[in-house]
PDB file of N, CA and C in Angstrom:
ATOM      1  N   MET A   1     -62.866   8.801  92.722  1.00  0.00           N
ATOM      2  CA  MET A   1     -62.338   9.166  91.421  1.00  0.00           C
ATOM      3  C   MET A   1     -62.875   8.171  90.388  1.00  0.00           C
ATOM      4  N   ARG A   2     -63.215   8.690  89.228  1.00  0.00           N
ATOM      5  CA  ARG A   2     -63.699   7.850  88.134  1.00  0.00           C
ATOM      6  C   ARG A   2     -62.542   7.029  87.552  1.00  0.00           C
ATOM      7  N   ILE A   3     -62.857   5.865  87.004  1.00  0.00           N
ATOM      8  CA  ILE A   3     -61.805   5.013  86.450  1.00  0.00           C
ATOM      9  C   ILE A   3     -61.120   5.657  85.248  1.00  0.00           C
ATOM     10  N   ASP A   4     -61.860   6.353  84.401  1.00  0.00           N
ATOM     11  CA  ASP A   4     -61.206   6.985  83.257  1.00  0.00           C
ATOM     12  C   ASP A   4     -60.230   8.072  83.710  1.00  0.00           C
ATOM     13  N   GLN A   5     -60.582   8.768  84.767  1.00  0.00           N
ATOM     14  CA  GLN A   5     -59.695   9.789  85.320  1.00  0.00           C
ATOM     15  C   GLN A   5     -58.467   9.143  85.970  1.00  0.00           C
ATOM     16  N   PHE A   6     -58.656   8.025  86.684  1.00  0.00           N
ATOM     17  CA  PHE A   6     -57.529   7.341  87.310  1.00  0.00           C
ATOM     18  C   PHE A   6     -56.548   6.831  86.253  1.00  0.00           C
ATOM     19  N   LEU A   7     -57.072   6.242  85.195  1.00  0.00           N
ATOM     20  CA  LEU A   7     -56.200   5.712  84.142  1.00  0.00           C
ATOM     21  C   LEU A   7     -55.355   6.818  83.524  1.00  0.00           C
ATOM     22  N   SER A   8     -55.927   7.980  83.374  1.00  0.00           N
ATOM     23  CA  SER A   8     -55.198   9.118  82.830  1.00  0.00           C
ATOM     24  C   SER A   8     -54.182   9.666  83.845  1.00  0.00           C
ATOM     25  N   SER A   9     -54.596   9.840  85.089  1.00  0.00           N
ATOM     26  CA  SER A   9     -53.711  10.378  86.131  1.00  0.00           C
ATOM     27  C   SER A   9     -52.512   9.477  86.389  1.00  0.00           C
ATOM     28  N   SER A  10     -52.747   8.172  86.323  1.00  0.00           N
ATOM     29  CA  SER A  10     -51.677   7.217  86.595  1.00  0.00           C
ATOM     30  C   SER A  10     -50.803   6.964  85.368  1.00  0.00           C
ATOM     31  N   ARG A  11     -51.175   7.551  84.240  1.00  0.00           N
ATOM     32  CA  ARG A  11     -50.450   7.421  82.981  1.00  0.00           C
ATOM     33  C   ARG A  11     -50.517   5.993  82.405  1.00  0.00           C
ATOM     34  N   LEU A  12     -51.495   5.201  82.860  1.00  0.00           N
ATOM     35  CA  LEU A  12     -51.689   3.882  82.258  1.00  0.00           C
ATOM     36  C   LEU A  12     -52.240   4.036  80.847  1.00  0.00           C
ATOM     37  N   ILE A  13     -53.072   5.054  80.650  1.00  0.00           N
ATOM     38  CA  ILE A  13     -53.562   5.442  79.328  1.00  0.00           C
ATOM     39  C   ILE A  13     -53.285   6.934  79.201  1.00  0.00           C
ATOM     40  N   ARG A  14     -52.798   7.337  78.070  1.00  0.00           N
ATOM     41  CA  ARG A  14     -52.244   8.670  77.879  1.00  0.00           C
ATOM     42  C   ARG A  14     -53.217   9.826  78.145  1.00  0.00           C
ATOM     43  N   ARG A  15     -54.424   9.735  77.609  1.00  0.00           N
ATOM     44  CA  ARG A  15     -55.382  10.832  77.724  1.00  0.00           C
ATOM     45  C   ARG A  15     -56.710  10.323  78.265  1.00  0.00           C
ATOM     46  N   ARG A  16     -57.428  11.190  78.967  1.00  0.00           N
ATOM     47  CA  ARG A  16     -58.692  10.779  79.566  1.00  0.00           C
ATOM     48  C   ARG A  16     -59.708  10.378  78.506  1.00  0.00           C
ATOM     49  N   VAL A  17     -59.743  11.071  77.392  1.00  0.00           N
ATOM     50  CA  VAL A  17     -60.691  10.717  76.336  1.00  0.00           C
ATOM     51  C   VAL A  17     -60.383   9.317  75.790  1.00  0.00           C
ATOM     52  N   GLU A  18     -59.109   8.951  75.730  1.00  0.00           N
ATOM     53  CA  GLU A  18     -58.735   7.601  75.292  1.00  0.00           C
ATOM     54  C   GLU A  18     -59.132   6.566  76.345  1.00  0.00           C
ATOM     55  N   ALA A  19     -59.000   6.915  77.623  1.00  0.00           N
ATOM     56  CA  ALA A  19     -59.405   6.015  78.705  1.00  0.00           C
ATOM     57  C   ALA A  19     -60.919   5.794  78.670  1.00  0.00           C
ATOM     58  N   LYS A  20     -61.660   6.872  78.424  1.00  0.00           N
ATOM     59  CA  LYS A  20     -63.117   6.764  78.336  1.00  0.00           C
ATOM     60  C   LYS A  20     -63.513   5.865  77.171  1.00  0.00           C
ATOM     61  N   ARG A  21     -62.859   6.050  76.030  1.00  0.00           N
ATOM     62  CA  ARG A  21     -63.155   5.231  74.857  1.00  0.00           C
ATOM     63  C   ARG A  21     -62.828   3.761  75.115  1.00  0.00           C
ATOM     64  N   ALA A  22     -61.696   3.502  75.773  1.00  0.00           N
ATOM     65  CA  ALA A  22     -61.310   2.114  76.083  1.00  0.00           C
ATOM     66  C   ALA A  22     -62.361   1.455  76.977  1.00  0.00           C
ATOM     67  N   CYS A  23     -62.886   2.193  77.942  1.00  0.00           N
ATOM     68  CA  CYS A  23     -63.943   1.652  78.805  1.00  0.00           C
ATOM     69  C   CYS A  23     -65.200   1.361  77.995  1.00  0.00           C
ATOM     70  N   GLU A  24     -65.592   2.297  77.151  1.00  0.00           N
ATOM     71  CA  GLU A  24     -66.803   2.128  76.342  1.00  0.00           C
ATOM     72  C   GLU A  24     -66.684   0.956  75.376  1.00  0.00           C
ATOM     73  N   GLU A  25     -65.461   0.651  74.920  1.00  0.00           N
ATOM     74  CA  GLU A  25     -65.247  -0.445  73.979  1.00  0.00           C
ATOM     75  C   GLU A  25     -65.026  -1.788  74.676  1.00  0.00           C
ATOM     76  N   GLY A  26     -65.102  -1.809  76.006  1.00  0.00           N
ATOM     77  CA  GLY A  26     -64.976  -3.056  76.744  1.00  0.00           C
ATOM     78  C   GLY A  26     -63.548  -3.550  76.909  1.00  0.00           C
ATOM     79  N   LEU A  27     -62.588  -2.643  76.904  1.00  0.00           N
ATOM     80  CA  LEU A  27     -61.178  -3.020  77.027  1.00  0.00           C
ATOM     81  C   LEU A  27     -60.643  -2.863  78.442  1.00  0.00           C
ATOM     82  N   VAL A  28     -61.450  -2.305  79.346  1.00  0.00           N
ATOM     83  CA  VAL A  28     -61.027  -2.076  80.727  1.00  0.00           C
ATOM     84  C   VAL A  28     -61.951  -2.852  81.657  1.00  0.00           C
ATOM     85  N   PHE A  29     -61.344  -3.543  82.611  1.00  0.00           N
ATOM     86  CA  PHE A  29     -62.095  -4.337  83.578  1.00  0.00           C
ATOM     87  C   PHE A  29     -61.714  -3.917  84.988  1.00  0.00           C
ATOM     88  N   LEU A  30     -62.691  -3.822  85.865  1.00  0.00           N
ATOM     89  CA  LEU A  30     -62.490  -3.442  87.257  1.00  0.00           C
ATOM     90  C   LEU A  30     -62.950  -4.606  88.117  1.00  0.00           C
ATOM     91  N   ASP A  31     -62.018  -5.231  88.810  1.00  0.00           N
ATOM     92  CA  ASP A  31     -62.305  -6.416  89.626  1.00  0.00           C
ATOM     93  C   ASP A  31     -63.020  -7.500  88.822  1.00  0.00           C
ATOM     94  N   GLY A  32     -62.587  -7.689  87.579  1.00  0.00           N
ATOM     95  CA  GLY A  32     -63.106  -8.768  86.755  1.00  0.00           C
ATOM     96  C   GLY A  32     -64.366  -8.469  85.962  1.00  0.00           C
ATOM     97  N   ARG A  33     -64.968  -7.323  86.176  1.00  0.00           N
ATOM     98  CA  ARG A  33     -66.166  -6.988  85.396  1.00  0.00           C
ATOM     99  C   ARG A  33     -65.863  -5.790  84.508  1.00  0.00           C
ATOM    100  N   ARG A  34     -66.580  -5.712  83.407  1.00  0.00           N
ATOM    101  CA  ARG A  34     -66.375  -4.634  82.440  1.00  0.00           C
ATOM    102  C   ARG A  34     -66.630  -3.281  83.106  1.00  0.00           C
ATOM    103  N   ALA A  35     -65.690  -2.356  82.942  1.00  0.00           N
ATOM    104  CA  ALA A  35     -65.785  -1.043  83.585  1.00  0.00           C
ATOM    105  C   ALA A  35     -66.476  -0.037  82.680  1.00  0.00           C
ATOM    106  N   LYS A  36     -67.274   0.811  83.292  1.00  0.00           N
ATOM    107  CA  LYS A  36     -67.863   1.953  82.607  1.00  0.00           C
ATOM    108  C   LYS A  36     -66.996   3.162  82.955  1.00  0.00           C
ATOM    109  N   PRO A  37     -66.921   4.160  82.078  1.00  0.00           N
ATOM    110  CA  PRO A  37     -66.046   5.314  82.335  1.00  0.00           C
ATOM    111  C   PRO A  37     -66.297   6.008  83.671  1.00  0.00           C
ATOM    112  N   GLY A  38     -67.523   6.003  84.150  1.00  0.00           N
ATOM    113  CA  GLY A  38     -67.873   6.702  85.380  1.00  0.00           C
ATOM    114  C   GLY A  38     -67.766   5.865  86.641  1.00  0.00           C
ATOM    115  N   ASP A  39     -67.354   4.601  86.536  1.00  0.00           N
ATOM    116  CA  ASP A  39     -67.225   3.753  87.719  1.00  0.00           C
ATOM    117  C   ASP A  39     -66.195   4.343  88.677  1.00  0.00           C
ATOM    118  N   ARG A  40     -66.525   4.339  89.953  1.00  0.00           N
ATOM    119  CA  ARG A  40     -65.621   4.854  90.982  1.00  0.00           C
ATOM    120  C   ARG A  40     -64.617   3.775  91.372  1.00  0.00           C
ATOM    121  N   VAL A  41     -63.368   4.191  91.593  1.00  0.00           N
ATOM    122  CA  VAL A  41     -62.317   3.252  91.994  1.00  0.00           C
ATOM    123  C   VAL A  41     -61.908   3.515  93.439  1.00  0.00           C
ATOM    124  N   LYS A  42     -61.415   2.438  94.097  1.00  0.00           N
ATOM    125  CA  LYS A  42     -60.930   2.518  95.465  1.00  0.00           C
ATOM    126  C   LYS A  42     -59.586   1.803  95.537  1.00  0.00           C
ATOM    127  N   SER A  43     -58.809   2.127  96.537  1.00  0.00           N
ATOM    128  CA  SER A  43     -57.547   1.435  96.757  1.00  0.00           C
ATOM    129  C   SER A  43     -57.813  -0.052  96.942  1.00  0.00           C
ATOM    130  N   GLY A  44     -56.928  -0.868  96.390  1.00  0.00           N
ATOM    131  CA  GLY A  44     -57.050  -2.314  96.517  1.00  0.00           C
ATOM    132  C   GLY A  44     -57.747  -2.986  95.353  1.00  0.00           C
ATOM    133  N   GLN A  45     -58.446  -2.228  94.525  1.00  0.00           N
ATOM    134  CA  GLN A  45     -59.130  -2.829  93.391  1.00  0.00           C
ATOM    135  C   GLN A  45     -58.139  -3.189  92.291  1.00  0.00           C
ATOM    136  N   ILE A  46     -58.513  -4.157  91.470  1.00  0.00           N
ATOM    137  CA  ILE A  46     -57.666  -4.612  90.366  1.00  0.00           C
ATOM    138  C   ILE A  46     -58.257  -4.119  89.053  1.00  0.00           C
ATOM    139  N   VAL A  47     -57.406  -3.485  88.256  1.00  0.00           N
ATOM    140  CA  VAL A  47     -57.798  -2.967  86.945  1.00  0.00           C
ATOM    141  C   VAL A  47     -57.039  -3.742  85.881  1.00  0.00           C
ATOM    142  N   SER A  48     -57.751  -4.285  84.901  1.00  0.00           N
ATOM    143  CA  SER A  48     -57.140  -4.973  83.763  1.00  0.00           C
ATOM    144  C   SER A  48     -57.433  -4.167  82.509  1.00  0.00           C
ATOM    145  N   ILE A  49     -56.410  -4.018  81.678  1.00  0.00           N
ATOM    146  CA  ILE A  49     -56.554  -3.238  80.445  1.00  0.00           C
ATOM    147  C   ILE A  49     -56.042  -4.060  79.274  1.00  0.00           C
ATOM    148  N   ARG A  50     -56.867  -4.156  78.237  1.00  0.00           N
ATOM    149  CA  ARG A  50     -56.448  -4.825  77.004  1.00  0.00           C
ATOM    150  C   ARG A  50     -55.949  -3.768  76.029  1.00  0.00           C
ATOM    151  N   PHE A  51     -54.723  -3.924  75.590  1.00  0.00           N
ATOM    152  CA  PHE A  51     -54.166  -3.061  74.558  1.00  0.00           C
ATOM    153  C   PHE A  51     -54.148  -3.851  73.256  1.00  0.00           C
ATOM    154  N   TRP A  52     -53.690  -3.242  72.194  1.00  0.00           N
ATOM    155  CA  TRP A  52     -53.674  -3.881  70.877  1.00  0.00           C
ATOM    156  C   TRP A  52     -52.926  -5.213  70.899  1.00  0.00           C
ATOM    157  N   ASP A  53     -51.733  -5.246  71.479  1.00  0.00           N
ATOM    158  CA  ASP A  53     -50.883  -6.437  71.410  1.00  0.00           C
ATOM    159  C   ASP A  53     -50.570  -7.065  72.756  1.00  0.00           C
ATOM    160  N   HIS A  54     -51.103  -6.556  73.856  1.00  0.00           N
ATOM    161  CA  HIS A  54     -50.849  -7.130  75.175  1.00  0.00           C
ATOM    162  C   HIS A  54     -51.928  -6.659  76.152  1.00  0.00           C
ATOM    163  N   GLN A  55     -51.872  -7.197  77.341  1.00  0.00           N
ATOM    164  CA  GLN A  55     -52.783  -6.763  78.389  1.00  0.00           C
ATOM    165  C   GLN A  55     -52.005  -6.643  79.693  1.00  0.00           C
ATOM    166  N   ILE A  56     -52.492  -5.818  80.598  1.00  0.00           N
ATOM    167  CA  ILE A  56     -51.860  -5.672  81.899  1.00  0.00           C
ATOM    168  C   ILE A  56     -52.924  -5.689  82.985  1.00  0.00           C
ATOM    169  N   ALA A  57     -52.508  -6.033  84.183  1.00  0.00           N
ATOM    170  CA  ALA A  57     -53.368  -5.971  85.352  1.00  0.00           C
ATOM    171  C   ALA A  57     -52.588  -5.259  86.447  1.00  0.00           C
ATOM    172  N   VAL A  58     -53.243  -4.316  87.105  1.00  0.00           N
ATOM    173  CA  VAL A  58     -52.609  -3.558  88.177  1.00  0.00           C
ATOM    174  C   VAL A  58     -53.532  -3.503  89.387  1.00  0.00           C
ATOM    175  N   ARG A  59     -52.910  -3.377  90.566  1.00  0.00           N
ATOM    176  CA  ARG A  59     -53.671  -3.160  91.798  1.00  0.00           C
ATOM    177  C   ARG A  59     -53.532  -1.685  92.157  1.00  0.00           C
ATOM    178  N   ILE A  60     -54.640  -1.030  92.420  1.00  0.00           N
ATOM    179  CA  ILE A  60     -54.623   0.385  92.786  1.00  0.00           C
ATOM    180  C   ILE A  60     -54.098   0.508  94.212  1.00  0.00           C
ATOM    181  N   LEU A  61     -53.051   1.309  94.383  1.00  0.00           N
ATOM    182  CA  LEU A  61     -52.465   1.522  95.696  1.00  0.00           C
ATOM    183  C   LEU A  61     -52.939   2.823  96.344  1.00  0.00           C
ATOM    184  N   GLU A  62     -53.208   3.820  95.522  1.00  0.00           N
ATOM    185  CA  GLU A  62     -53.553   5.133  96.044  1.00  0.00           C
ATOM    186  C   GLU A  62     -54.438   5.872  95.049  1.00  0.00           C
ATOM    187  N   ILE A  63     -55.402   6.582  95.573  1.00  0.00           N
ATOM    188  CA  ILE A  63     -56.250   7.444  94.752  1.00  0.00           C
ATOM    189  C   ILE A  63     -55.701   8.864  94.908  1.00  0.00           C
ATOM    190  N   PRO A  64     -55.232   9.481  93.824  1.00  0.00           N
ATOM    191  CA  PRO A  64     -54.607  10.803  93.936  1.00  0.00           C
ATOM    192  C   PRO A  64     -55.616  11.924  94.163  1.00  0.00           C
ATOM    193  N   GLN A  65     -55.138  12.972  94.780  1.00  0.00           N
ATOM    194  CA  GLN A  65     -55.920  14.191  94.958  1.00  0.00           C
ATOM    195  C   GLN A  65     -55.246  15.275  94.129  1.00  0.00           C
ATOM    196  N   GLY A  66     -55.937  15.839  93.178  1.00  0.00           N
ATOM    197  CA  GLY A  66     -55.360  16.886  92.352  1.00  0.00           C
ATOM    198  C   GLY A  66     -54.453  16.341  91.266  1.00  0.00           C
ATOM    199  N   ASN A  67     -53.553  17.199  90.788  1.00  0.00           N
ATOM    200  CA  ASN A  67     -52.636  16.819  89.717  1.00  0.00           C
ATOM    201  C   ASN A  67     -51.574  15.849  90.213  1.00  0.00           C
ATOM    202  N   VAL A  68     -51.112  14.995  89.300  1.00  0.00           N
ATOM    203  CA  VAL A  68     -50.098  13.995  89.622  1.00  0.00           C
ATOM    204  C   VAL A  68     -48.900  14.215  88.707  1.00  0.00           C
ATOM    205  N   SER A  69     -47.717  14.294  89.304  1.00  0.00           N
ATOM    206  CA  SER A  69     -46.511  14.469  88.492  1.00  0.00           C
ATOM    207  C   SER A  69     -46.181  13.173  87.764  1.00  0.00           C
ATOM    208  N   ARG A  70     -45.433  13.302  86.698  1.00  0.00           N
ATOM    209  CA  ARG A  70     -45.032  12.137  85.913  1.00  0.00           C
ATOM    210  C   ARG A  70     -44.228  11.147  86.770  1.00  0.00           C
ATOM    211  N   LYS A  71     -43.359  11.676  87.631  1.00  0.00           N
ATOM    212  CA  LYS A  71     -42.538  10.818  88.497  1.00  0.00           C
ATOM    213  C   LYS A  71     -43.377  10.061  89.509  1.00  0.00           C
ATOM    214  N   ARG A  72     -44.452  10.682  89.988  1.00  0.00           N
ATOM    215  CA  ARG A  72     -45.283  10.059  91.023  1.00  0.00           C
ATOM    216  C   ARG A  72     -46.359   9.130  90.457  1.00  0.00           C
ATOM    217  N   ALA A  73     -46.665   9.256  89.189  1.00  0.00           N
ATOM    218  CA  ALA A  73     -47.771   8.498  88.592  1.00  0.00           C
ATOM    219  C   ALA A  73     -47.618   6.988  88.784  1.00  0.00           C
ATOM    220  N   HIS A  74     -46.422   6.449  88.640  1.00  0.00           N
ATOM    221  CA  HIS A  74     -46.247   4.991  88.756  1.00  0.00           C
ATOM    222  C   HIS A  74     -46.379   4.484  90.190  1.00  0.00           C
ATOM    223  N   THR A  75     -46.421   5.372  91.177  1.00  0.00           N
ATOM    224  CA  THR A  75     -46.586   4.934  92.568  1.00  0.00           C
ATOM    225  C   THR A  75     -48.050   4.733  92.937  1.00  0.00           C
ATOM    226  N   LEU A  76     -48.954   5.067  92.032  1.00  0.00           N
ATOM    227  CA  LEU A  76     -50.382   4.934  92.302  1.00  0.00           C
ATOM    228  C   LEU A  76     -50.876   3.498  92.143  1.00  0.00           C
ATOM    229  N   TYR A  77     -50.083   2.640  91.535  1.00  0.00           N
ATOM    230  CA  TYR A  77     -50.492   1.262  91.269  1.00  0.00           C
ATOM    231  C   TYR A  77     -49.285   0.330  91.321  1.00  0.00           C
ATOM    232  N   SER A  78     -49.574  -0.975  91.436  1.00  0.00           N
ATOM    233  CA  SER A  78     -48.513  -1.974  91.317  1.00  0.00           C
ATOM    234  C   SER A  78     -48.919  -2.960  90.222  1.00  0.00           C
ATOM    235  N   LEU A  79     -47.976  -3.295  89.382  1.00  0.00           N
ATOM    236  CA  LEU A  79     -48.213  -4.227  88.283  1.00  0.00           C
ATOM    237  C   LEU A  79     -48.320  -5.636  88.854  1.00  0.00           C
ATOM    238  N   ILE A  80     -49.425  -6.314  88.561  1.00  0.00           N
ATOM    239  CA  ILE A  80     -49.579  -7.687  89.059  1.00  0.00           C
ATOM    240  C   ILE A  80     -49.626  -8.713  87.940  1.00  0.00           C
ATOM    241  N   GLY A  81     -49.737  -8.267  86.713  1.00  0.00           N
ATOM    242  CA  GLY A  81     -49.760  -9.210  85.607  1.00  0.00           C
ATOM    243  C   GLY A  81     -49.572  -8.514  84.268  1.00  0.00           C
ATOM    244  N   LYS A  82     -48.882  -9.205  83.379  1.00  0.00           N
ATOM    245  CA  LYS A  82     -48.669  -8.680  82.042  1.00  0.00           C
ATOM    246  C   LYS A  82     -48.675  -9.861  81.089  1.00  0.00           C
ATOM    247  N   GLY A  83     -49.394  -9.733  80.001  1.00  0.00           N
ATOM    248  CA  GLY A  83     -49.480 -10.812  79.036  1.00  0.00           C
ATOM    249  C   GLY A  83     -49.232 -10.327  77.632  1.00  0.00           C
ATOM    250  N   ASP A  84     -48.826 -11.259  76.767  1.00  0.00           N
ATOM    251  CA  ASP A  84     -48.546 -10.904  75.377  1.00  0.00           C
ATOM    252  C   ASP A  84     -49.809 -10.779  74.547  1.00  0.00           C
ATOM    253  N   GLU A  85     -50.821 -11.551  74.869  1.00  0.00           N
ATOM    254  CA  GLU A  85     -52.044 -11.531  74.073  1.00  0.00           C
ATOM    255  C   GLU A  85     -53.235 -11.171  74.934  1.00  0.00           C
ATOM    256  N   PRO A  86     -54.126 -10.357  74.420  1.00  0.00           N
ATOM    257  CA  PRO A  86     -55.349 -10.071  75.157  1.00  0.00           C
ATOM    258  C   PRO A  86     -56.190 -11.332  75.331  1.00  0.00           C
ATOM    259  N   ALA A  87     -56.864 -11.430  76.452  1.00  0.00           N
ATOM    260  CA  ALA A  87     -57.712 -12.602  76.734  1.00  0.00           C
ATOM    261  C   ALA A  87     -59.028 -12.518  75.996  1.00  0.00           C
TER     262      ALA A  87
END
């Protein structure tokens, strides 16, 4: 699964087009390196996202197959870090 698709499916970023834009602008990192929208993700990888006023880091627990319900979306990752200011 592509990282932009994972970010959208997991509800970390609301829409896939926004996830793609965040990757293109250098706001998403996969295992410490800048992510491209088409980068493939695997379970166990760490994704860091810079938002306007904070940043988060999550570990991917599961790669979904098909549609993901809103209730199940948060089970796809575990939060490992949250900060007030982007690095």
